[in-house]
Amino acid sequence: MVRTGEQMTTLTIREQETKHRILNLVKENNDGLTISDISRILEIHYTTASKYLAVLEAEKRVVRRGIGMAKLFRLAPNGGDANGQ
C-alpha cells in the first residue's frame, strides 16, 4: 500500500494523539496501569496500547514493572519528560 503525504501526516497526528492519551492516563494513575487497563479505559486494542507503551518506555517516559504475568506501567521518575527536564 502506497500512502500519499497527506495520509502519512494524518497517521502521524493520530499516532501522536494516541501516545499523548496513554501518557496522560498513566500520569493520572500513580499506582500504575496494566496494558489491559489502558486498552479498556481508552477503548483501543490491546496490541495498540502495548505498542505505544513500548515506545514510551524506550523514550524513558514510562517504566514497566512485572507483577506475575502482568506488566504494570507507571510514569518515569523524570515525570514523563523525554528530555528529563
N, C-alpha and C. Protein backbone atom coordinates (compact mmCIF):
# COMPACT_ATOMS: atom_id res chain seq x y z
N MET A 1 0.84 -1.18 0.00
CA MET A 1 0.00 0.00 0.00
C MET A 1 0.89 1.24 0.00
N VAL A 2 0.62 2.13 -0.90
CA VAL A 2 1.37 3.37 -1.01
C VAL A 2 0.53 4.48 -0.37
N ARG A 3 1.17 5.24 0.50
CA ARG A 3 0.47 6.33 1.18
C ARG A 3 0.93 7.66 0.61
N THR A 4 -0.02 8.55 0.44
CA THR A 4 0.34 9.89 -0.01
C THR A 4 0.86 10.68 1.19
N GLY A 5 1.46 11.81 0.95
CA GLY A 5 1.97 12.65 2.02
C GLY A 5 0.88 13.05 3.00
N GLU A 6 -0.32 13.34 2.50
CA GLU A 6 -1.43 13.73 3.37
C GLU A 6 -1.84 12.58 4.28
N GLN A 7 -1.91 11.37 3.77
CA GLN A 7 -2.27 10.22 4.59
C GLN A 7 -1.21 9.97 5.66
N MET A 8 0.05 10.11 5.33
CA MET A 8 1.12 9.88 6.30
C MET A 8 1.04 10.92 7.42
N THR A 9 0.73 12.17 7.08
CA THR A 9 0.61 13.22 8.09
C THR A 9 -0.54 12.90 9.02
N THR A 10 -1.67 12.47 8.49
CA THR A 10 -2.83 12.13 9.30
C THR A 10 -2.50 10.99 10.25
N LEU A 11 -1.81 9.97 9.77
CA LEU A 11 -1.44 8.85 10.63
C LEU A 11 -0.49 9.31 11.71
N THR A 12 0.45 10.16 11.37
CA THR A 12 1.40 10.65 12.37
C THR A 12 0.68 11.43 13.45
N ILE A 13 -0.28 12.26 13.07
CA ILE A 13 -1.05 13.04 14.05
C ILE A 13 -1.84 12.08 14.93
N ARG A 14 -2.48 11.10 14.34
CA ARG A 14 -3.27 10.13 15.11
C ARG A 14 -2.36 9.35 16.07
N GLU A 15 -1.19 8.97 15.59
CA GLU A 15 -0.26 8.24 16.45
C GLU A 15 0.19 9.10 17.62
N GLN A 16 0.48 10.37 17.37
CA GLN A 16 0.88 11.28 18.44
C GLN A 16 -0.24 11.47 19.45
N GLU A 17 -1.47 11.57 18.97
CA GLU A 17 -2.62 11.71 19.87
C GLU A 17 -2.78 10.48 20.76
N THR A 18 -2.63 9.31 20.17
CA THR A 18 -2.76 8.07 20.94
C THR A 18 -1.68 7.99 22.01
N LYS A 19 -0.47 8.29 21.63
CA LYS A 19 0.65 8.28 22.57
C LYS A 19 0.40 9.29 23.71
N HIS A 20 -0.09 10.45 23.36
CA HIS A 20 -0.36 11.50 24.34
C HIS A 20 -1.48 11.06 25.30
N ARG A 21 -2.53 10.45 24.77
CA ARG A 21 -3.64 9.96 25.62
C ARG A 21 -3.15 8.91 26.60
N ILE A 22 -2.31 8.00 26.14
CA ILE A 22 -1.77 6.96 27.02
C ILE A 22 -0.90 7.57 28.10
N LEU A 23 -0.02 8.48 27.73
CA LEU A 23 0.87 9.11 28.70
C LEU A 23 0.06 9.89 29.74
N ASN A 24 -0.95 10.62 29.32
CA ASN A 24 -1.79 11.36 30.27
C ASN A 24 -2.51 10.43 31.23
N LEU A 25 -3.00 9.32 30.73
CA LEU A 25 -3.68 8.35 31.58
C LEU A 25 -2.73 7.77 32.63
N VAL A 26 -1.53 7.44 32.20
CA VAL A 26 -0.54 6.90 33.14
C VAL A 26 -0.17 7.96 34.18
N LYS A 27 -0.08 9.23 33.76
CA LYS A 27 0.23 10.32 34.70
C LYS A 27 -0.84 10.44 35.78
N GLU A 28 -2.10 10.18 35.41
CA GLU A 28 -3.21 10.32 36.34
C GLU A 28 -3.33 9.16 37.31
N ASN A 29 -2.60 8.08 37.09
CA ASN A 29 -2.72 6.87 37.91
C ASN A 29 -1.37 6.51 38.50
N ASN A 30 -1.08 7.08 39.66
CA ASN A 30 0.22 6.90 40.31
C ASN A 30 0.53 5.45 40.66
N ASP A 31 -0.50 4.64 40.88
CA ASP A 31 -0.28 3.24 41.24
C ASP A 31 0.10 2.39 40.04
N GLY A 32 -0.06 2.94 38.85
CA GLY A 32 0.29 2.22 37.64
C GLY A 32 -0.93 1.54 37.01
N LEU A 33 -0.79 1.19 35.76
CA LEU A 33 -1.85 0.55 34.99
C LEU A 33 -1.28 -0.57 34.15
N THR A 34 -2.08 -1.59 33.94
CA THR A 34 -1.69 -2.67 33.05
C THR A 34 -2.08 -2.29 31.62
N ILE A 35 -1.56 -3.05 30.68
CA ILE A 35 -1.93 -2.84 29.28
C ILE A 35 -3.44 -3.02 29.11
N SER A 36 -3.99 -4.01 29.78
CA SER A 36 -5.44 -4.25 29.70
C SER A 36 -6.23 -3.07 30.24
N ASP A 37 -5.77 -2.51 31.37
CA ASP A 37 -6.44 -1.33 31.93
C ASP A 37 -6.47 -0.20 30.91
N ILE A 38 -5.32 0.08 30.33
CA ILE A 38 -5.19 1.19 29.39
C ILE A 38 -6.06 0.96 28.15
N SER A 39 -6.00 -0.24 27.61
CA SER A 39 -6.78 -0.51 26.40
C SER A 39 -8.29 -0.42 26.69
N ARG A 40 -8.71 -0.86 27.86
CA ARG A 40 -10.13 -0.80 28.22
C ARG A 40 -10.58 0.65 28.44
N ILE A 41 -9.81 1.40 29.21
CA ILE A 41 -10.19 2.79 29.53
C ILE A 41 -10.20 3.67 28.28
N LEU A 42 -9.19 3.54 27.44
CA LEU A 42 -9.09 4.38 26.24
C LEU A 42 -9.83 3.81 25.05
N GLU A 43 -10.37 2.60 25.22
CA GLU A 43 -11.10 1.91 24.14
C GLU A 43 -10.25 1.78 22.88
N ILE A 44 -9.05 1.25 23.10
CA ILE A 44 -8.15 0.94 21.99
C ILE A 44 -7.78 -0.54 22.12
N HIS A 45 -7.29 -1.11 21.04
CA HIS A 45 -6.93 -2.53 21.05
C HIS A 45 -5.73 -2.76 21.97
N TYR A 46 -5.70 -3.91 22.59
CA TYR A 46 -4.60 -4.30 23.48
C TYR A 46 -3.24 -4.16 22.79
N THR A 47 -3.15 -4.62 21.55
CA THR A 47 -1.89 -4.56 20.81
C THR A 47 -1.46 -3.12 20.56
N THR A 48 -2.41 -2.25 20.30
CA THR A 48 -2.11 -0.83 20.10
C THR A 48 -1.54 -0.23 21.37
N ALA A 49 -2.19 -0.50 22.50
CA ALA A 49 -1.71 0.01 23.79
C ALA A 49 -0.31 -0.52 24.07
N SER A 50 -0.09 -1.79 23.82
CA SER A 50 1.21 -2.41 24.06
C SER A 50 2.29 -1.76 23.22
N LYS A 51 1.99 -1.51 21.96
CA LYS A 51 2.94 -0.89 21.04
C LYS A 51 3.36 0.50 21.54
N TYR A 52 2.39 1.32 21.90
CA TYR A 52 2.72 2.68 22.34
C TYR A 52 3.40 2.70 23.69
N LEU A 53 3.06 1.78 24.56
CA LEU A 53 3.75 1.69 25.85
C LEU A 53 5.21 1.31 25.64
N ALA A 54 5.48 0.43 24.68
CA ALA A 54 6.86 0.06 24.37
C ALA A 54 7.64 1.28 23.86
N VAL A 55 6.99 2.10 23.05
CA VAL A 55 7.63 3.32 22.54
C VAL A 55 7.90 4.29 23.69
N LEU A 56 6.89 4.50 24.56
CA LEU A 56 7.06 5.40 25.70
C LEU A 56 8.13 4.89 26.66
N GLU A 57 8.23 3.59 26.80
CA GLU A 57 9.28 3.01 27.65
C GLU A 57 10.65 3.24 27.03
N ALA A 58 10.77 3.06 25.73
CA ALA A 58 12.05 3.29 25.05
C ALA A 58 12.45 4.76 25.14
N GLU A 59 11.48 5.65 25.16
CA GLU A 59 11.74 7.08 25.30
C GLU A 59 11.97 7.48 26.77
N LYS A 60 11.91 6.48 27.66
CA LYS A 60 12.10 6.69 29.11
C LYS A 60 11.06 7.62 29.71
N ARG A 61 9.84 7.53 29.18
CA ARG A 61 8.74 8.35 29.69
C ARG A 61 7.86 7.56 30.65
N VAL A 62 7.88 6.23 30.51
CA VAL A 62 7.19 5.35 31.46
C VAL A 62 8.16 4.24 31.86
N VAL A 63 7.87 3.64 33.00
CA VAL A 63 8.65 2.48 33.44
C VAL A 63 7.71 1.31 33.63
N ARG A 64 8.24 0.12 33.39
CA ARG A 64 7.45 -1.10 33.47
C ARG A 64 7.93 -1.93 34.64
N ARG A 65 6.98 -2.52 35.34
CA ARG A 65 7.29 -3.43 36.43
C ARG A 65 6.45 -4.68 36.25
N GLY A 66 7.10 -5.81 36.24
CA GLY A 66 6.38 -7.07 36.09
C GLY A 66 5.82 -7.52 37.43
N ILE A 67 4.55 -7.84 37.45
CA ILE A 67 3.90 -8.39 38.63
C ILE A 67 3.22 -9.67 38.17
N GLY A 68 3.88 -10.79 38.44
CA GLY A 68 3.37 -12.06 37.91
C GLY A 68 3.40 -12.01 36.40
N MET A 69 2.28 -12.31 35.79
CA MET A 69 2.17 -12.27 34.33
C MET A 69 1.89 -10.86 33.80
N ALA A 70 1.45 -9.97 34.68
CA ALA A 70 1.06 -8.62 34.25
C ALA A 70 2.26 -7.69 34.18
N LYS A 71 2.13 -6.68 33.35
CA LYS A 71 3.12 -5.61 33.25
C LYS A 71 2.42 -4.33 33.71
N LEU A 72 2.97 -3.73 34.76
CA LEU A 72 2.39 -2.51 35.32
C LEU A 72 3.23 -1.32 34.86
N PHE A 73 2.57 -0.34 34.26
CA PHE A 73 3.27 0.84 33.74
C PHE A 73 2.97 2.04 34.61
N ARG A 74 4.04 2.77 34.94
CA ARG A 74 3.95 3.99 35.73
C ARG A 74 4.75 5.08 35.04
N LEU A 75 4.50 6.31 35.46
CA LEU A 75 5.25 7.44 34.93
C LEU A 75 6.72 7.30 35.34
N ALA A 76 7.61 7.62 34.45
CA ALA A 76 9.05 7.56 34.74
C ALA A 76 9.40 8.61 35.80
N PRO A 77 10.50 8.38 36.54
CA PRO A 77 10.91 9.34 37.57
C PRO A 77 11.10 10.77 37.07
N ASN A 78 11.38 10.92 35.77
CA ASN A 78 11.57 12.26 35.20
C ASN A 78 10.25 12.95 34.91
N GLY A 79 9.14 12.35 35.37
CA GLY A 79 7.83 12.95 35.16
C GLY A 79 7.28 12.77 33.77
N GLY A 80 7.85 11.84 33.01
CA GLY A 80 7.38 11.59 31.66
C GLY A 80 7.96 12.51 30.61
N ASP A 81 8.88 13.39 31.06
CA ASP A 81 9.52 14.31 30.12
C ASP A 81 10.65 13.57 29.41
N ALA A 82 10.55 13.50 28.10
CA ALA A 82 11.55 12.76 27.31
C ALA A 82 12.94 13.35 27.45
N ASN A 83 13.01 14.63 27.80
CA ASN A 83 14.31 15.29 27.94
C ASN A 83 14.84 15.25 29.36
N GLY A 84 14.04 14.70 30.28
CA GLY A 84 14.48 14.60 31.66
C GLY A 84 14.44 15.92 32.40
N GLN A 85 13.70 16.88 31.86
CA GLN A 85 13.64 18.21 32.49
C GLN A 85 12.48 18.31 33.44
